[in-house]
Amino acid sequence: MLGNYDIIVVGGGPAGLTAAIYARRSERSVLILEKNGFGGQIAQSPRVDNFPGIPAVSGAELSDKMLSHALDLGVEINLAEVTGVERLDDGSFTVRTDDGDYTAGAVILATGARHRRLGAEREEEFAGNGVCYCAVCDGAFYPGKPVAVVGGGDTAVRDALLLTNTCAEVYIIHRRDEFRAEAANVAALKGKENVHLVMNSRVVELLGEGELSGVVVEDVNTHERRTINVDGLFVAIGHESDNEAFRGLAETDAAGWFTAGEECTTGTPGIFVAGDCRAKRVKQLITAAGDGASAATAACEYLDKRA
């Protein structure tokens, strides 16, 4: 075993970082295991202005502040992917990772959400070679080039607006005839001269050798197809759960989101959930932080009762 902790937090986004801060303030030993990068999706946002008391801050800066807060309190961190959690006979847990195993008295699952894939053939081949899932992260790689955005919600429209500032042409491909995004953003998008709306359409084929060179789109009504030459394709069609490794520990709905209530407890004593991995209507930075506080409080109370 690599170490024993009172609480292990799986996930280093706002929910996980908040949970770790609250647990450390209760004088619990805490380890955060994160497989990608700390801060979660908010770290990719160029501007955050809806977190009370901290207006107009970049997501990266806010994430750094949260991580620094946790580290200053004595939270330990490790970049490792959790592959499973096993409940032992004494009520403690073995947390298995690709870097070795840990033990804990309680586990908080703050696994967040992951970008939904397009589902087109060769998508994985072109991922990172023309197919992207974050315009904020990768848009700068396509200055003066034609790109396309797939989706019709707020994220897709905001991504398209961002890309119009640097890209030569921006095609936005949506399977319906109307956008679901905020009306003001849609109006702004339609006012851009380098935007081309491809409505009632879906991407059916990715083209290129080594690097993406274009997409084939199909009209959902007429089934007519045409090729659009683009160097980048930004997929913005929502998110899906990343909870598969923990399905036996916590109840999930049909879409795979944890169904824990506001107290963030599950049917397995000692397992708690927090943040966007939980089934709920509002998934925002502030609600993730609230979940983290609730989960940590419940976990500490659980450990107190076991002592």
Protein backbone atom coordinates (compact mmCIF):
# COMPACT_ATOMS: atom_id res chain seq x y z
CA MET A 1 0.00 0.00 0.00
CA LEU A 2 1.22 3.48 -0.86
CA GLY A 3 -0.51 5.17 2.08
CA ASN A 4 -3.41 5.22 4.50
CA TYR A 5 -5.70 8.24 4.85
CA ASP A 6 -8.85 9.23 6.68
CA ILE A 7 -10.43 10.41 3.43
CA ILE A 8 -9.47 9.92 -0.20
CA VAL A 9 -11.05 12.27 -2.73
CA VAL A 10 -11.29 10.99 -6.30
CA GLY A 11 -11.16 14.02 -8.58
CA GLY A 12 -9.40 17.37 -8.34
CA GLY A 13 -12.04 19.75 -9.68
CA PRO A 14 -13.90 22.38 -7.62
CA ALA A 15 -15.99 19.74 -5.82
CA GLY A 16 -12.99 17.59 -4.92
CA LEU A 17 -10.82 20.54 -3.88
CA THR A 18 -13.59 21.99 -1.71
CA ALA A 19 -14.19 18.60 -0.09
CA ALA A 20 -10.48 18.27 0.67
CA ILE A 21 -10.33 21.77 2.19
CA TYR A 22 -13.32 21.10 4.44
CA ALA A 23 -11.98 17.71 5.49
CA ARG A 24 -8.57 19.13 6.37
CA ARG A 25 -10.18 21.88 8.41
CA SER A 26 -11.71 19.03 10.41
CA GLU A 27 -8.17 17.72 10.94
CA ARG A 28 -8.57 14.66 8.74
CA SER A 29 -5.72 13.30 6.64
CA VAL A 30 -6.71 13.75 3.01
CA LEU A 31 -5.40 12.60 -0.36
CA ILE A 32 -6.75 13.82 -3.71
CA LEU A 33 -6.28 11.49 -6.68
CA GLU A 34 -6.68 13.21 -10.05
CA LYS A 35 -6.03 11.55 -13.41
CA ASN A 36 -5.75 14.63 -15.65
CA GLY A 37 -5.23 18.11 -14.22
CA PHE A 38 -6.44 19.96 -11.16
CA GLY A 39 -9.31 22.41 -11.50
CA GLY A 40 -11.57 20.35 -13.72
CA GLN A 41 -13.46 21.95 -16.61
CA ILE A 42 -13.44 25.39 -15.00
CA ALA A 43 -9.65 25.57 -15.44
CA GLN A 44 -10.26 25.86 -19.20
CA SER A 45 -12.54 28.89 -18.92
CA PRO A 46 -10.96 32.23 -19.90
CA ARG A 47 -13.25 34.17 -17.57
CA VAL A 48 -15.32 33.29 -14.51
CA ASP A 49 -17.62 36.00 -13.18
CA ASN A 50 -20.33 34.02 -11.36
CA PHE A 51 -18.39 32.90 -8.28
CA PRO A 52 -19.41 35.15 -5.36
CA GLY A 53 -16.74 37.53 -4.15
CA ILE A 54 -14.25 36.78 -6.94
CA PRO A 55 -15.44 38.63 -10.06
CA ALA A 56 -13.68 38.54 -13.42
CA VAL A 57 -11.10 35.84 -12.74
CA SER A 58 -9.76 33.30 -15.21
CA GLY A 59 -10.67 29.68 -14.60
CA ALA A 60 -7.00 28.75 -14.43
CA GLU A 61 -6.29 31.39 -11.78
CA LEU A 62 -9.29 30.36 -9.71
CA SER A 63 -8.27 26.70 -9.94
CA ASP A 64 -4.74 27.57 -8.85
CA LYS A 65 -6.08 29.46 -5.85
CA MET A 66 -8.26 26.52 -4.80
CA LEU A 67 -5.40 24.05 -5.20
CA SER A 68 -3.00 26.29 -3.29
CA HIS A 69 -5.57 26.63 -0.50
CA ALA A 70 -5.84 22.85 -0.21
CA LEU A 71 -2.06 22.33 -0.27
CA ASP A 72 -1.50 25.05 2.34
CA LEU A 73 -3.85 23.17 4.65
CA GLY A 74 -1.86 19.96 4.23
CA VAL A 75 -3.90 18.12 1.62
CA GLU A 76 -1.79 15.59 -0.29
CA ILE A 77 -2.22 15.14 -4.04
CA ASN A 78 -1.21 12.60 -6.66
CA LEU A 79 -1.77 12.40 -10.39
CA ALA A 80 -3.10 8.89 -10.85
CA GLU A 81 -6.17 7.26 -12.38
CA VAL A 82 -8.43 5.42 -9.96
CA THR A 83 -9.40 2.10 -11.47
CA GLY A 84 -11.61 0.82 -8.68
CA VAL A 85 -12.60 1.00 -5.02
CA GLU A 86 -13.10 -2.05 -2.79
CA ARG A 87 -14.87 -2.01 0.57
CA LEU A 88 -13.11 -4.20 3.11
CA ASP A 89 -14.64 -6.29 5.90
CA ASP A 90 -13.67 -3.72 8.54
CA GLY A 91 -15.54 -0.95 6.66
CA SER A 92 -12.43 0.74 5.26
CA PHE A 93 -11.61 0.97 1.56
CA THR A 94 -8.84 0.02 -0.81
CA VAL A 95 -8.53 2.57 -3.61
CA ARG A 96 -6.79 1.07 -6.61
CA THR A 97 -4.91 3.28 -9.09
CA ASP A 98 -2.58 2.85 -12.03
CA ASP A 99 0.19 3.99 -9.67
CA GLY A 100 -0.54 1.61 -6.79
CA ASP A 101 -3.11 1.12 -4.02
CA TYR A 102 -4.16 3.28 -1.07
CA THR A 103 -6.45 2.73 1.92
CA ALA A 104 -8.97 5.11 3.44
CA GLY A 105 -11.69 5.26 6.04
CA ALA A 106 -14.00 7.10 3.64
CA VAL A 107 -14.02 7.97 -0.06
CA ILE A 108 -15.51 11.00 -1.79
CA LEU A 109 -16.17 10.52 -5.51
CA ALA A 110 -15.90 13.87 -7.30
CA THR A 111 -15.28 12.51 -10.77
CA GLY A 112 -16.93 15.35 -12.67
CA ALA A 113 -18.04 14.86 -16.26
CA ARG A 114 -16.32 14.26 -19.58
CA HIS A 115 -16.95 15.63 -23.04
CA ARG A 116 -19.45 13.61 -25.06
CA ARG A 117 -17.91 12.12 -28.19
CA LEU A 118 -19.32 12.69 -31.66
CA GLY A 119 -19.49 8.97 -32.39
CA ALA A 120 -18.17 9.28 -35.94
CA GLU A 121 -15.83 6.72 -37.43
CA ARG A 122 -12.14 7.69 -37.09
CA GLU A 123 -12.93 10.13 -34.28
CA GLU A 124 -10.31 8.67 -31.97
CA GLU A 125 -7.79 8.68 -34.83
CA PHE A 126 -8.23 12.41 -35.32
CA ALA A 127 -8.56 13.34 -31.63
CA GLY A 128 -5.76 15.84 -31.09
CA ASN A 129 -5.11 15.90 -34.84
CA GLY A 130 -7.96 18.15 -35.87
CA VAL A 131 -10.81 16.91 -33.67
CA CYS A 132 -11.00 18.95 -30.46
CA TYR A 133 -13.34 19.19 -27.48
CA CYS A 134 -12.31 22.54 -26.02
CA ALA A 135 -12.22 25.71 -28.10
CA VAL A 136 -10.62 27.63 -25.25
CA CYS A 137 -7.78 25.11 -25.07
CA ASP A 138 -7.20 24.41 -28.75
CA GLY A 139 -8.67 27.30 -30.72
CA ALA A 140 -5.34 29.12 -30.79
CA PHE A 141 -3.89 26.33 -32.94
CA TYR A 142 -6.07 27.33 -35.91
CA PRO A 143 -5.40 31.01 -36.64
CA GLY A 144 -6.51 32.00 -40.13
CA LYS A 145 -7.85 28.51 -40.84
CA PRO A 146 -11.36 27.18 -41.49
CA VAL A 147 -12.93 25.26 -38.61
CA ALA A 148 -16.31 23.80 -37.67
CA VAL A 149 -18.23 23.51 -34.42
CA VAL A 150 -20.76 20.74 -33.81
CA GLY A 151 -23.65 21.52 -31.45
CA GLY A 152 -26.52 23.88 -30.85
CA GLY A 153 -26.38 24.73 -27.16
CA ASP A 154 -24.71 27.51 -25.22
CA THR A 155 -21.29 25.86 -25.24
CA ALA A 156 -21.30 25.38 -29.01
CA VAL A 157 -22.40 28.95 -29.71
CA ARG A 158 -19.88 30.42 -27.28
CA ASP A 159 -17.14 28.27 -28.80
CA ALA A 160 -18.08 29.45 -32.29
CA LEU A 161 -18.05 33.09 -31.17
CA LEU A 162 -14.59 32.63 -29.67
CA LEU A 163 -13.25 31.01 -32.83
CA THR A 164 -14.56 33.80 -35.09
CA ASN A 165 -11.93 36.09 -33.58
CA THR A 166 -9.00 34.12 -35.00
CA CYS A 167 -10.24 31.60 -37.56
CA ALA A 168 -10.87 32.42 -41.22
CA GLU A 169 -14.23 30.65 -41.45
CA VAL A 170 -16.38 29.06 -38.75
CA TYR A 171 -19.06 26.54 -39.72
CA ILE A 172 -21.52 25.62 -36.99
CA ILE A 173 -23.21 22.29 -37.62
CA HIS A 174 -26.45 21.56 -35.76
CA ARG A 175 -28.90 18.71 -36.23
CA ARG A 176 -31.95 20.93 -35.59
CA ASP A 177 -33.28 24.06 -37.31
CA GLU A 178 -32.97 26.25 -34.21
CA PHE A 179 -30.32 26.78 -31.56
CA ARG A 180 -30.92 26.04 -27.88
CA ALA A 181 -28.45 28.70 -26.75
CA GLU A 182 -29.15 32.10 -25.22
CA ALA A 183 -30.81 34.42 -27.72
CA ALA A 184 -28.20 37.16 -27.28
CA ASN A 185 -25.36 34.78 -28.13
CA VAL A 186 -27.23 33.42 -31.15
CA ALA A 187 -27.83 36.96 -32.41
CA ALA A 188 -24.15 37.80 -31.95
CA LEU A 189 -23.17 34.66 -33.84
CA LYS A 190 -25.47 35.42 -36.76
CA GLY A 191 -23.96 38.88 -36.96
CA LYS A 192 -20.47 37.54 -37.67
CA GLU A 193 -19.45 37.68 -41.33
CA ASN A 194 -17.20 34.62 -41.15
CA VAL A 195 -19.87 32.32 -39.67
CA HIS A 196 -21.72 29.77 -41.80
CA LEU A 197 -24.76 28.01 -40.33
CA VAL A 198 -25.20 24.36 -41.35
CA MET A 199 -28.56 23.52 -39.84
CA ASN A 200 -30.57 20.29 -39.85
CA SER A 201 -27.30 18.47 -40.43
CA ARG A 202 -25.01 15.96 -38.80
CA VAL A 203 -21.40 14.92 -39.33
CA VAL A 204 -21.24 11.46 -40.89
CA GLU A 205 -17.61 11.20 -41.96
CA LEU A 206 -14.21 12.63 -41.05
CA LEU A 207 -11.68 13.14 -43.84
CA GLY A 208 -7.92 13.36 -43.93
CA GLU A 209 -4.63 11.50 -43.74
CA GLY A 210 -2.96 11.92 -40.38
CA GLU A 211 -4.56 15.33 -39.89
CA LEU A 212 -8.22 16.29 -40.35
CA SER A 213 -8.86 17.98 -43.69
CA GLY A 214 -12.64 18.03 -43.85
CA VAL A 215 -15.99 16.60 -42.81
CA VAL A 216 -18.93 15.13 -44.64
CA VAL A 217 -22.30 16.38 -43.37
CA GLU A 218 -25.71 14.93 -44.09
CA ASP A 219 -29.01 16.79 -44.12
CA VAL A 220 -31.24 14.99 -41.60
CA ASN A 221 -34.35 15.59 -43.75
CA THR A 222 -33.19 15.10 -47.34
CA HIS A 223 -30.15 12.89 -46.58
CA GLU A 224 -28.13 14.89 -49.09
CA ARG A 225 -24.42 14.99 -48.28
CA ARG A 226 -21.72 17.57 -48.86
CA THR A 227 -18.10 18.02 -47.93
CA ILE A 228 -16.84 20.97 -45.88
CA ASN A 229 -13.10 21.55 -45.92
CA VAL A 230 -11.90 22.41 -42.40
CA ASP A 231 -8.67 22.01 -40.47
CA GLY A 232 -10.34 21.76 -37.08
CA LEU A 233 -13.58 20.28 -35.76
CA PHE A 234 -14.72 21.34 -32.28
CA VAL A 235 -17.24 18.95 -30.73
CA ALA A 236 -19.54 20.73 -28.26
CA ILE A 237 -22.49 18.40 -27.75
CA GLY A 238 -22.56 18.12 -23.98
CA HIS A 239 -21.06 15.88 -21.36
CA GLU A 240 -21.43 12.36 -20.05
CA SER A 241 -20.65 10.70 -16.75
CA ASP A 242 -17.27 9.24 -15.88
CA ASN A 243 -18.54 6.91 -13.15
CA GLU A 244 -18.19 3.46 -14.70
CA ALA A 245 -15.48 2.28 -12.30
CA PHE A 246 -17.74 2.96 -9.30
CA ARG A 247 -21.16 1.70 -10.39
CA GLY A 248 -21.18 -1.04 -7.78
CA LEU A 249 -20.53 1.40 -4.94
CA ALA A 250 -23.07 4.15 -5.60
CA GLU A 251 -26.44 4.16 -7.31
CA THR A 252 -26.64 5.75 -10.76
CA ASP A 253 -29.46 6.76 -13.06
CA ALA A 254 -29.88 5.50 -16.62
CA ALA A 255 -27.34 8.04 -17.90
CA GLY A 256 -24.73 6.98 -15.34
CA TRP A 257 -24.96 9.98 -12.97
CA PHE A 258 -24.83 9.29 -9.23
CA THR A 259 -28.30 9.65 -7.71
CA ALA A 260 -27.25 10.82 -4.24
CA GLY A 261 -29.27 13.61 -2.66
CA GLU A 262 -28.18 16.97 -1.28
CA GLU A 263 -26.32 15.35 1.63
CA CYS A 264 -24.14 13.55 -0.96
CA THR A 265 -24.43 10.17 0.78
CA THR A 266 -24.80 6.87 -1.07
CA GLY A 267 -26.13 3.42 -0.29
CA THR A 268 -22.61 2.29 0.61
CA PRO A 269 -21.54 3.49 4.08
CA GLY A 270 -18.36 5.52 3.75
CA ILE A 271 -18.85 6.41 0.06
CA PHE A 272 -19.90 9.98 -0.78
CA VAL A 273 -20.30 11.83 -4.07
CA ALA A 274 -19.94 15.49 -5.03
CA GLY A 275 -20.09 17.79 -8.04
CA ASP A 276 -21.04 17.29 -11.66
CA CYS A 277 -20.87 13.50 -11.33
CA ARG A 278 -24.11 13.73 -9.33
CA ALA A 279 -27.52 13.79 -11.04
CA LYS A 280 -28.90 17.30 -10.53
CA ARG A 281 -30.48 20.10 -12.51
CA VAL A 282 -27.91 22.84 -11.93
CA LYS A 283 -24.28 21.92 -12.59
CA GLN A 284 -22.22 25.02 -11.92
CA LEU A 285 -19.01 25.94 -10.15
CA ILE A 286 -20.92 27.14 -7.08
CA THR A 287 -23.03 23.96 -6.81
CA ALA A 288 -19.92 21.79 -7.20
CA ALA A 289 -18.29 23.63 -4.31
CA GLY A 290 -21.45 23.25 -2.26
CA ASP A 291 -21.48 19.51 -2.90
CA GLY A 292 -17.85 19.30 -1.85
CA ALA A 293 -18.62 20.94 1.49
CA SER A 294 -21.64 18.67 2.06
CA ALA A 295 -19.75 15.49 1.15
CA ALA A 296 -16.78 16.34 3.36
CA THR A 297 -19.04 17.19 6.29
CA ALA A 298 -20.92 13.91 5.89
CA ALA A 299 -17.67 11.95 5.55
CA CYS A 300 -16.23 13.47 8.72
CA GLU A 301 -19.42 12.73 10.64
CA TYR A 302 -19.28 9.14 9.37
CA LEU A 303 -15.68 8.75 10.59
CA ASP A 304 -16.58 10.27 13.96
CA LYS A 305 -19.30 7.65 14.43
CA ARG A 306 -16.90 4.84 13.52
CA ALA A 307 -14.20 6.00 15.94
